[in-house]
Structure formats: C-alpha cells, structure tokens
Amino acid sequence: MEAFAARGLAQACVSNGGRMIVDANMRAMSIPHFRFSIAREGRRQRQAPSGALPAGAKMLGLPPEACAVIEDSPTGARSAKAAGMLTIAWPQHPAVVFDTVDHLVEDPAALDWDALCG
C-alpha cells in the first residue's frame, strides 16, 4: 500500500465482509491510504460485474479498465475479471485455486508495478 501511495495511485477497499468487520479490520491495521471502503450489503454484490467493484472504480473517478484488483479469493478474482479490471491473485493458502487472473503472486511486491502502471 505504501508503494502504491508513493506512486500516487488511488486505493480503496472492496470487501465481501460485513461493514462492522471491514471497519474493525481497517482500524486495527491503521490503513491510511484507502480513500474509502465498500462492504457487503448483499452476499452476491461483489460477485456481479455490475456490483461493488465497478462502483468502487466509479467512486475513484476511474473506468474499471484503469483499476487493478489484488484478490485473495477466486470469487473476487472472477468478479474483477468480469468487470474488466487488471486482476492479481494473492492466495493466502496454497490449496486455493484461481482460474482466470492476469497475475498469480506469492507477494504483490514481487510484481513490476512500474511496468504494470505504465
């Protein structure tokens, strides 16, 4: 997040977690770089291409294709791909299988963000 902020990239949190969980985690992690967060209102909201991810892009003032999503769930990754966003899978467990993503990484810091962000 620090590296993204240093590049001047807008950041937001879009989560399938409930609002209380998202807010508690953001407070506990002291995340200063997120402009806002979107939490689950309905279980399927993030999964639909017309759901929370495109809404987050719109709130950032960006088209979906100008956004990168770092995902730890296959469902979220499918949603990001369906929305036309650059999709980076960051599995938190080796047994988690991702089908279609642009990049699969053990650590997002391993990506060449300068090349990706042009």
C-alpha atoms as a PDB file:
ATOM      1  CA  MET A   1       0.000   0.000   0.000  1.00  0.00           C
ATOM      2  CA  GLU A   2       2.894   2.336   0.740  1.00  0.00           C
ATOM      3  CA  ALA A   3       4.382   1.733  -2.719  1.00  0.00           C
ATOM      4  CA  PHE A   4       1.030   2.439  -4.368  1.00  0.00           C
ATOM      5  CA  ALA A   5       0.590   5.620  -2.365  1.00  0.00           C
ATOM      6  CA  ALA A   6       4.109   6.738  -3.343  1.00  0.00           C
ATOM      7  CA  ARG A   7       3.069   6.335  -6.993  1.00  0.00           C
ATOM      8  CA  GLY A   8       0.007   8.499  -6.363  1.00  0.00           C
ATOM      9  CA  LEU A   9      -2.368   5.602  -7.023  1.00  0.00           C
ATOM     10  CA  ALA A  10      -5.854   5.887  -5.567  1.00  0.00           C
ATOM     11  CA  GLN A  11      -6.711   2.978  -3.270  1.00  0.00           C
ATOM     12  CA  ALA A  12      -9.952   1.624  -1.857  1.00  0.00           C
ATOM     13  CA  CYS A  13     -11.065  -1.498  -0.040  1.00  0.00           C
ATOM     14  CA  VAL A  14     -13.903  -3.537  -1.529  1.00  0.00           C
ATOM     15  CA  SER A  15     -14.816  -6.466   0.658  1.00  0.00           C
ATOM     16  CA  ASN A  16     -17.359  -9.236   0.852  1.00  0.00           C
ATOM     17  CA  GLY A  17     -17.172  -8.822   4.623  1.00  0.00           C
ATOM     18  CA  GLY A  18     -19.819  -7.002   6.595  1.00  0.00           C
ATOM     19  CA  ARG A  19     -19.416  -3.293   7.377  1.00  0.00           C
ATOM     20  CA  MET A  20     -18.555  -3.854  11.066  1.00  0.00           C
ATOM     21  CA  ILE A  21     -15.836  -6.397  10.179  1.00  0.00           C
ATOM     22  CA  VAL A  22     -14.337  -4.202   7.439  1.00  0.00           C
ATOM     23  CA  ASP A  23     -14.275  -1.123   9.683  1.00  0.00           C
ATOM     24  CA  ALA A  24     -12.753  -3.057  12.595  1.00  0.00           C
ATOM     25  CA  ASN A  25     -10.026  -4.545  10.378  1.00  0.00           C
ATOM     26  CA  MET A  26      -9.196  -1.196   8.803  1.00  0.00           C
ATOM     27  CA  ARG A  27      -8.913   0.416  12.258  1.00  0.00           C
ATOM     28  CA  ALA A  28      -6.777  -2.454  13.568  1.00  0.00           C
ATOM     29  CA  MET A  29      -4.422  -2.281  10.564  1.00  0.00           C
ATOM     30  CA  SER A  30      -4.273   1.541  10.617  1.00  0.00           C
ATOM     31  CA  ILE A  31      -4.639   1.820   6.855  1.00  0.00           C
ATOM     32  CA  PRO A  32      -4.242   5.497   5.953  1.00  0.00           C
ATOM     33  CA  HIS A  33      -4.138   5.159   2.165  1.00  0.00           C
ATOM     34  CA  PHE A  34      -7.642   3.911   1.384  1.00  0.00           C
ATOM     35  CA  ARG A  35      -9.932   6.711   0.284  1.00  0.00           C
ATOM     36  CA  PHE A  36     -12.979   4.664   1.262  1.00  0.00           C
ATOM     37  CA  SER A  37     -14.227   1.132   1.758  1.00  0.00           C
ATOM     38  CA  ILE A  38     -17.195  -0.718   0.372  1.00  0.00           C
ATOM     39  CA  ALA A  39     -18.551  -3.559   2.472  1.00  0.00           C
ATOM     40  CA  ARG A  40     -21.035  -6.294   1.707  1.00  0.00           C
ATOM     41  CA  GLU A  41     -24.630  -5.231   1.725  1.00  0.00           C
ATOM     42  CA  GLY A  42     -25.829  -8.367  -0.035  1.00  0.00           C
ATOM     43  CA  ARG A  43     -23.836 -11.593  -0.289  1.00  0.00           C
ATOM     44  CA  ARG A  44     -23.685 -11.511  -4.119  1.00  0.00           C
ATOM     45  CA  GLN A  45     -22.920  -7.804  -4.547  1.00  0.00           C
ATOM     46  CA  ARG A  46     -19.190  -8.105  -5.240  1.00  0.00           C
ATOM     47  CA  GLN A  47     -19.619 -11.166  -7.460  1.00  0.00           C
ATOM     48  CA  ALA A  48     -21.642  -9.363 -10.128  1.00  0.00           C
ATOM     49  CA  PRO A  49     -19.763  -7.234 -12.693  1.00  0.00           C
ATOM     50  CA  SER A  50     -22.325  -4.508 -12.028  1.00  0.00           C
ATOM     51  CA  GLY A  51     -21.672  -4.738  -8.270  1.00  0.00           C
ATOM     52  CA  ALA A  52     -19.255  -3.263  -5.796  1.00  0.00           C
ATOM     53  CA  LEU A  53     -16.013  -3.351  -7.814  1.00  0.00           C
ATOM     54  CA  PRO A  54     -17.296  -1.134 -10.667  1.00  0.00           C
ATOM     55  CA  ALA A  55     -18.995   1.061  -8.067  1.00  0.00           C
ATOM     56  CA  GLY A  56     -15.623   1.468  -6.355  1.00  0.00           C
ATOM     57  CA  ALA A  57     -13.986   2.410  -9.658  1.00  0.00           C
ATOM     58  CA  LYS A  58     -16.703   4.990 -10.262  1.00  0.00           C
ATOM     59  CA  MET A  59     -16.213   6.436  -6.764  1.00  0.00           C
ATOM     60  CA  LEU A  60     -12.490   6.759  -7.557  1.00  0.00           C
ATOM     61  CA  GLY A  61     -13.389   8.529 -10.795  1.00  0.00           C
ATOM     62  CA  LEU A  62     -11.803   5.772 -12.900  1.00  0.00           C
ATOM     63  CA  PRO A  63     -13.058   3.404 -15.569  1.00  0.00           C
ATOM     64  CA  PRO A  64     -12.863  -0.260 -14.479  1.00  0.00           C
ATOM     65  CA  GLU A  65     -10.128  -0.999 -17.031  1.00  0.00           C
ATOM     66  CA  ALA A  66      -7.880   1.555 -15.276  1.00  0.00           C
ATOM     67  CA  CYS A  67      -8.128  -0.361 -11.978  1.00  0.00           C
ATOM     68  CA  ALA A  68      -6.038  -3.174 -10.543  1.00  0.00           C
ATOM     69  CA  VAL A  69      -7.534  -5.563  -8.021  1.00  0.00           C
ATOM     70  CA  ILE A  70      -5.443  -7.622  -5.614  1.00  0.00           C
ATOM     71  CA  GLU A  71      -7.566 -10.596  -4.601  1.00  0.00           C
ATOM     72  CA  ASP A  72      -7.208 -13.459  -2.179  1.00  0.00           C
ATOM     73  CA  SER A  73     -10.405 -15.234  -3.223  1.00  0.00           C
ATOM     74  CA  PRO A  74     -11.260 -16.918  -6.528  1.00  0.00           C
ATOM     75  CA  THR A  75     -14.772 -15.428  -6.382  1.00  0.00           C
ATOM     76  CA  GLY A  76     -13.413 -11.897  -6.056  1.00  0.00           C
ATOM     77  CA  ALA A  77     -10.889 -12.525  -8.837  1.00  0.00           C
ATOM     78  CA  ARG A  78     -13.647 -13.721 -11.188  1.00  0.00           C
ATOM     79  CA  SER A  79     -15.651 -10.617 -10.356  1.00  0.00           C
ATOM     80  CA  ALA A  80     -12.685  -8.332 -11.072  1.00  0.00           C
ATOM     81  CA  LYS A  81     -12.016 -10.058 -14.415  1.00  0.00           C
ATOM     82  CA  ALA A  82     -15.708  -9.825 -15.338  1.00  0.00           C
ATOM     83  CA  ALA A  83     -15.583  -6.093 -14.583  1.00  0.00           C
ATOM     84  CA  GLY A  84     -12.596  -5.687 -16.942  1.00  0.00           C
ATOM     85  CA  MET A  85     -10.065  -4.910 -14.211  1.00  0.00           C
ATOM     86  CA  LEU A  86      -6.414  -5.998 -14.033  1.00  0.00           C
ATOM     87  CA  THR A  87      -6.623  -8.961 -11.675  1.00  0.00           C
ATOM     88  CA  ILE A  88      -3.818 -10.063  -9.383  1.00  0.00           C
ATOM     89  CA  ALA A  89      -4.382 -13.193  -7.313  1.00  0.00           C
ATOM     90  CA  TRP A  90      -2.596 -13.329  -3.969  1.00  0.00           C
ATOM     91  CA  PRO A  91      -3.572 -16.686  -2.447  1.00  0.00           C
ATOM     92  CA  GLN A  92      -3.416 -16.830   1.319  1.00  0.00           C
ATOM     93  CA  HIS A  93      -3.359 -20.638   1.263  1.00  0.00           C
ATOM     94  CA  PRO A  94      -1.607 -22.943  -1.256  1.00  0.00           C
ATOM     95  CA  ALA A  95      -4.763 -25.018  -1.777  1.00  0.00           C
ATOM     96  CA  VAL A  96      -6.743 -22.060  -3.124  1.00  0.00           C
ATOM     97  CA  VAL A  97      -7.081 -22.366  -6.906  1.00  0.00           C
ATOM     98  CA  PHE A  98      -7.657 -19.383  -9.179  1.00  0.00           C
ATOM     99  CA  ASP A  99      -8.960 -19.896 -12.692  1.00  0.00           C
ATOM    100  CA  THR A 100      -8.587 -16.720 -14.757  1.00  0.00           C
ATOM    101  CA  VAL A 101      -6.295 -13.977 -13.470  1.00  0.00           C
ATOM    102  CA  ASP A 102      -3.713 -11.692 -15.053  1.00  0.00           C
ATOM    103  CA  HIS A 103      -1.036 -12.431 -12.448  1.00  0.00           C
ATOM    104  CA  LEU A 104      -0.691 -15.015  -9.674  1.00  0.00           C
ATOM    105  CA  VAL A 105       1.773 -13.897  -6.993  1.00  0.00           C
ATOM    106  CA  GLU A 106       3.063 -15.013  -3.617  1.00  0.00           C
ATOM    107  CA  ASP A 107       3.690 -11.361  -2.753  1.00  0.00           C
ATOM    108  CA  PRO A 108       2.345  -8.298  -4.629  1.00  0.00           C
ATOM    109  CA  ALA A 109       5.723  -6.612  -4.052  1.00  0.00           C
ATOM    110  CA  ALA A 110       7.219  -9.156  -6.486  1.00  0.00           C
ATOM    111  CA  LEU A 111       5.382  -7.557  -9.429  1.00  0.00           C
ATOM    112  CA  ASP A 112       6.974  -4.875 -11.573  1.00  0.00           C
ATOM    113  CA  TRP A 113       4.442  -2.197 -10.692  1.00  0.00           C
ATOM    114  CA  ASP A 114       6.222   0.418 -12.800  1.00  0.00           C
ATOM    115  CA  ALA A 115       5.637  -1.741 -15.896  1.00  0.00           C
ATOM    116  CA  LEU A 116       2.037  -2.511 -14.912  1.00  0.00           C
ATOM    117  CA  CYS A 117       1.137   1.089 -14.093  1.00  0.00           C
ATOM    118  CA  GLY A 118       2.912   2.481 -17.150  1.00  0.00           C
END
